[in-house]
N, C-alpha and C. Protein backbone atom coordinates (compact mmCIF):
# COMPACT_ATOMS: atom_id res chain seq x y z
N ALA A 1 0.82 -1.19 0.00
CA ALA A 1 0.00 0.00 0.00
C ALA A 1 0.86 1.26 0.00
N GLN A 2 1.97 1.22 0.71
CA GLN A 2 2.84 2.38 0.75
C GLN A 2 3.41 2.68 -0.63
N GLU A 3 3.75 1.64 -1.40
CA GLU A 3 4.26 1.82 -2.76
C GLU A 3 3.23 2.53 -3.63
N TRP A 4 1.96 2.14 -3.52
CA TRP A 4 0.91 2.79 -4.31
C TRP A 4 0.74 4.23 -3.87
N ALA A 5 0.79 4.48 -2.56
CA ALA A 5 0.63 5.84 -2.06
C ALA A 5 1.75 6.74 -2.57
N GLN A 6 2.97 6.26 -2.56
CA GLN A 6 4.09 7.05 -3.07
C GLN A 6 3.99 7.21 -4.58
N GLY A 7 3.60 6.17 -5.28
CA GLY A 7 3.49 6.21 -6.73
C GLY A 7 2.36 7.09 -7.21
N HIS A 8 1.34 7.25 -6.39
CA HIS A 8 0.21 8.08 -6.78
C HIS A 8 0.60 9.56 -6.79
N GLY A 9 1.45 9.95 -5.88
CA GLY A 9 1.93 11.32 -5.86
C GLY A 9 1.09 12.28 -5.03
N ALA A 10 0.09 11.79 -4.35
CA ALA A 10 -0.77 12.63 -3.51
C ALA A 10 -1.51 11.72 -2.53
N ALA A 11 -2.23 12.35 -1.61
CA ALA A 11 -3.04 11.58 -0.67
C ALA A 11 -4.07 10.76 -1.44
N ILE A 12 -4.26 9.52 -1.03
CA ILE A 12 -5.24 8.63 -1.65
C ILE A 12 -6.52 8.66 -0.81
N ASN A 13 -7.63 8.98 -1.47
CA ASN A 13 -8.92 9.07 -0.77
C ASN A 13 -9.71 7.78 -0.80
N ASP A 14 -9.50 6.94 -1.82
CA ASP A 14 -10.28 5.72 -1.96
C ASP A 14 -9.51 4.77 -2.86
N LEU A 15 -9.85 3.52 -2.81
CA LEU A 15 -9.30 2.53 -3.74
C LEU A 15 -10.36 1.50 -4.04
N ALA A 16 -10.22 0.86 -5.20
CA ALA A 16 -11.18 -0.16 -5.62
C ALA A 16 -10.44 -1.28 -6.31
N LEU A 17 -10.83 -2.50 -6.03
CA LEU A 17 -10.29 -3.68 -6.68
C LEU A 17 -11.33 -4.18 -7.68
N SER A 18 -10.90 -4.47 -8.90
CA SER A 18 -11.84 -4.99 -9.90
C SER A 18 -12.35 -6.36 -9.46
N ALA A 19 -13.52 -6.74 -9.97
CA ALA A 19 -14.16 -7.99 -9.56
C ALA A 19 -13.27 -9.21 -9.84
N ASP A 20 -12.46 -9.15 -10.90
CA ASP A 20 -11.59 -10.28 -11.22
C ASP A 20 -10.25 -10.20 -10.50
N GLY A 21 -10.03 -9.13 -9.72
CA GLY A 21 -8.80 -8.98 -8.95
C GLY A 21 -7.58 -8.59 -9.77
N GLN A 22 -7.78 -8.24 -11.03
CA GLN A 22 -6.65 -7.93 -11.91
C GLN A 22 -6.23 -6.47 -11.89
N LEU A 23 -7.10 -5.57 -11.44
CA LEU A 23 -6.81 -4.14 -11.44
C LEU A 23 -7.16 -3.52 -10.09
N LEU A 24 -6.36 -2.54 -9.69
CA LEU A 24 -6.63 -1.77 -8.50
C LEU A 24 -6.59 -0.30 -8.89
N ALA A 25 -7.61 0.46 -8.54
CA ALA A 25 -7.65 1.89 -8.84
C ALA A 25 -7.50 2.67 -7.55
N THR A 26 -6.70 3.75 -7.59
CA THR A 26 -6.57 4.65 -6.46
C THR A 26 -7.06 6.03 -6.87
N ALA A 27 -7.79 6.68 -5.97
CA ALA A 27 -8.36 8.02 -6.21
C ALA A 27 -7.60 9.02 -5.35
N GLY A 28 -7.15 10.12 -5.96
CA GLY A 28 -6.30 11.03 -5.22
C GLY A 28 -6.73 12.47 -5.15
N GLU A 29 -6.11 13.16 -4.20
CA GLU A 29 -6.32 14.59 -4.01
C GLU A 29 -5.76 15.42 -5.16
N ASN A 30 -4.94 14.80 -6.02
CA ASN A 30 -4.30 15.52 -7.12
C ASN A 30 -5.13 15.45 -8.41
N ASN A 31 -6.44 15.25 -8.29
CA ASN A 31 -7.35 15.20 -9.44
C ASN A 31 -6.95 14.07 -10.40
N GLN A 32 -6.52 12.97 -9.86
CA GLN A 32 -6.00 11.88 -10.67
C GLN A 32 -6.47 10.53 -10.13
N VAL A 33 -6.67 9.60 -11.05
CA VAL A 33 -6.91 8.20 -10.72
C VAL A 33 -5.78 7.40 -11.34
N ARG A 34 -5.20 6.51 -10.56
CA ARG A 34 -4.15 5.63 -11.07
C ARG A 34 -4.69 4.21 -11.08
N ILE A 35 -4.35 3.45 -12.11
CA ILE A 35 -4.77 2.05 -12.22
C ILE A 35 -3.52 1.18 -12.13
N TRP A 36 -3.56 0.21 -11.24
CA TRP A 36 -2.40 -0.61 -10.92
C TRP A 36 -2.68 -2.09 -11.16
N ASN A 37 -1.61 -2.84 -11.32
CA ASN A 37 -1.67 -4.29 -11.29
C ASN A 37 -1.37 -4.69 -9.85
N PRO A 38 -2.37 -5.18 -9.10
CA PRO A 38 -2.14 -5.45 -7.68
C PRO A 38 -1.15 -6.58 -7.43
N ALA A 39 -0.92 -7.44 -8.42
CA ALA A 39 0.00 -8.56 -8.23
C ALA A 39 1.45 -8.08 -8.12
N ASN A 40 1.80 -7.02 -8.87
CA ASN A 40 3.19 -6.59 -8.85
C ASN A 40 3.38 -5.10 -8.57
N GLY A 41 2.29 -4.36 -8.37
CA GLY A 41 2.39 -2.94 -8.06
C GLY A 41 2.63 -2.06 -9.26
N GLY A 42 2.72 -2.65 -10.44
CA GLY A 42 2.97 -1.88 -11.66
C GLY A 42 1.70 -1.26 -12.21
N GLY A 43 1.86 -0.42 -13.21
CA GLY A 43 0.73 0.22 -13.84
C GLY A 43 -0.15 -0.77 -14.58
N GLY A 44 -1.42 -0.48 -14.61
CA GLY A 44 -2.38 -1.31 -15.35
C GLY A 44 -2.40 -0.93 -16.81
N PRO A 45 -3.50 -1.24 -17.50
CA PRO A 45 -3.58 -0.94 -18.93
C PRO A 45 -3.55 0.56 -19.22
N LYS A 46 -4.07 1.35 -18.33
CA LYS A 46 -4.02 2.82 -18.45
C LYS A 46 -3.61 3.32 -17.07
N PRO A 47 -2.32 3.50 -16.83
CA PRO A 47 -1.86 3.75 -15.47
C PRO A 47 -2.40 5.02 -14.83
N SER A 48 -2.83 6.00 -15.62
CA SER A 48 -3.23 7.26 -15.00
C SER A 48 -4.36 7.91 -15.78
N LEU A 49 -5.38 8.36 -15.05
CA LEU A 49 -6.46 9.16 -15.62
C LEU A 49 -6.26 10.56 -15.06
N ASP A 50 -5.80 11.46 -15.90
CA ASP A 50 -5.44 12.81 -15.46
C ASP A 50 -6.52 13.81 -15.84
N GLY A 51 -6.42 14.99 -15.26
CA GLY A 51 -7.27 16.10 -15.66
C GLY A 51 -8.70 16.04 -15.16
N LEU A 52 -8.96 15.27 -14.12
CA LEU A 52 -10.30 15.29 -13.55
C LEU A 52 -10.55 16.68 -12.97
N PRO A 53 -11.81 17.12 -12.90
CA PRO A 53 -12.11 18.51 -12.56
C PRO A 53 -11.90 18.89 -11.09
N ALA A 54 -11.69 17.92 -10.23
CA ALA A 54 -11.54 18.18 -8.80
C ALA A 54 -10.89 16.95 -8.15
N PRO A 55 -10.47 17.07 -6.88
CA PRO A 55 -9.95 15.88 -6.20
C PRO A 55 -10.93 14.72 -6.29
N VAL A 56 -10.41 13.53 -6.47
CA VAL A 56 -11.24 12.34 -6.64
C VAL A 56 -11.45 11.70 -5.27
N LYS A 57 -12.72 11.56 -4.90
CA LYS A 57 -13.07 11.07 -3.56
C LYS A 57 -13.46 9.60 -3.54
N SER A 58 -13.88 9.05 -4.71
CA SER A 58 -14.29 7.65 -4.74
C SER A 58 -14.08 7.05 -6.12
N VAL A 59 -13.85 5.75 -6.15
CA VAL A 59 -13.70 5.00 -7.40
C VAL A 59 -14.40 3.65 -7.25
N ALA A 60 -14.92 3.13 -8.38
CA ALA A 60 -15.56 1.82 -8.37
C ALA A 60 -15.52 1.24 -9.77
N PHE A 61 -15.19 -0.04 -9.86
CA PHE A 61 -15.23 -0.77 -11.13
C PHE A 61 -16.63 -1.34 -11.35
N SER A 62 -17.03 -1.44 -12.61
CA SER A 62 -18.27 -2.15 -12.93
C SER A 62 -18.04 -3.64 -12.70
N LEU A 63 -19.12 -4.40 -12.56
CA LEU A 63 -18.98 -5.83 -12.28
C LEU A 63 -18.26 -6.58 -13.40
N ASP A 64 -18.36 -6.08 -14.65
CA ASP A 64 -17.68 -6.74 -15.75
C ASP A 64 -16.26 -6.19 -15.97
N ASN A 65 -15.80 -5.30 -15.09
CA ASN A 65 -14.46 -4.71 -15.12
C ASN A 65 -14.22 -3.80 -16.32
N ALA A 66 -15.24 -3.51 -17.09
CA ALA A 66 -15.07 -2.72 -18.31
C ALA A 66 -15.06 -1.22 -18.05
N HIS A 67 -15.67 -0.78 -16.94
CA HIS A 67 -15.82 0.65 -16.68
C HIS A 67 -15.31 0.99 -15.29
N LEU A 68 -14.88 2.24 -15.15
CA LEU A 68 -14.43 2.74 -13.86
C LEU A 68 -15.15 4.07 -13.60
N ALA A 69 -15.90 4.14 -12.52
CA ALA A 69 -16.60 5.36 -12.13
C ALA A 69 -15.78 6.09 -11.08
N CYS A 70 -15.68 7.41 -11.24
CA CYS A 70 -14.91 8.25 -10.33
C CYS A 70 -15.79 9.37 -9.82
N GLY A 71 -15.90 9.51 -8.51
CA GLY A 71 -16.66 10.60 -7.91
C GLY A 71 -15.72 11.68 -7.44
N THR A 72 -16.00 12.93 -7.82
CA THR A 72 -15.11 14.03 -7.49
C THR A 72 -15.69 14.93 -6.40
N ALA A 73 -14.82 15.77 -5.85
CA ALA A 73 -15.21 16.67 -4.76
C ALA A 73 -16.21 17.73 -5.21
N ASN A 74 -16.33 17.97 -6.51
CA ASN A 74 -17.32 18.94 -7.00
C ASN A 74 -18.61 18.25 -7.43
N ASN A 75 -18.87 17.05 -6.90
CA ASN A 75 -20.11 16.30 -7.08
C ASN A 75 -20.36 15.84 -8.52
N GLN A 76 -19.31 15.52 -9.24
CA GLN A 76 -19.45 14.92 -10.56
C GLN A 76 -19.07 13.45 -10.48
N VAL A 77 -19.71 12.65 -11.34
CA VAL A 77 -19.33 11.26 -11.52
C VAL A 77 -18.90 11.11 -12.97
N LEU A 78 -17.66 10.67 -13.16
CA LEU A 78 -17.12 10.47 -14.49
C LEU A 78 -16.91 8.97 -14.69
N VAL A 79 -17.33 8.47 -15.84
CA VAL A 79 -17.19 7.04 -16.14
C VAL A 79 -16.20 6.89 -17.28
N TYR A 80 -15.20 6.05 -17.05
CA TYR A 80 -14.14 5.82 -18.01
C TYR A 80 -14.14 4.36 -18.47
N ASP A 81 -13.62 4.13 -19.67
CA ASP A 81 -13.32 2.78 -20.11
C ASP A 81 -12.09 2.34 -19.30
N ALA A 82 -12.19 1.27 -18.56
CA ALA A 82 -11.12 0.85 -17.65
C ALA A 82 -9.86 0.40 -18.39
N LYS A 83 -9.98 -0.04 -19.63
CA LYS A 83 -8.81 -0.51 -20.36
C LYS A 83 -8.12 0.60 -21.15
N THR A 84 -8.90 1.50 -21.75
CA THR A 84 -8.31 2.54 -22.59
C THR A 84 -8.15 3.87 -21.88
N GLY A 85 -8.92 4.09 -20.82
CA GLY A 85 -8.87 5.35 -20.12
C GLY A 85 -9.69 6.45 -20.78
N LEU A 86 -10.46 6.12 -21.80
CA LEU A 86 -11.28 7.11 -22.48
C LEU A 86 -12.51 7.46 -21.65
N LEU A 87 -12.80 8.76 -21.56
CA LEU A 87 -13.98 9.23 -20.85
C LEU A 87 -15.22 8.85 -21.64
N GLU A 88 -16.18 8.20 -20.96
CA GLU A 88 -17.40 7.75 -21.62
C GLU A 88 -18.61 8.57 -21.23
N GLN A 89 -18.64 9.09 -20.00
CA GLN A 89 -19.86 9.76 -19.52
C GLN A 89 -19.52 10.67 -18.34
N ILE A 90 -20.22 11.81 -18.26
CA ILE A 90 -20.11 12.71 -17.11
C ILE A 90 -21.51 12.94 -16.57
N ASN A 91 -21.68 12.75 -15.28
CA ASN A 91 -22.95 13.03 -14.60
C ASN A 91 -22.69 14.09 -13.55
N ALA A 92 -23.42 15.19 -13.64
CA ALA A 92 -23.22 16.28 -12.68
C ALA A 92 -24.35 16.31 -11.68
């Protein structure tokens, strides 16, 4: 956990493990989500989701591991493709 905290570069507010256990997402105060391989601590398919509009307070994977939802401090929920990191939806 300390390795992920240092690698994230800011305080971590939340983390989520994908249903298949292959990915771990960390949500940070630096408006960033990092995706990790929990087996070795390395980056996942898209190691970083940058440029979120506010500090990220929560993260959750969909049950099929295809999507990652991020809740921000300005009350937005952003949904990303968990493999490509492409933004799919914004809910304000």
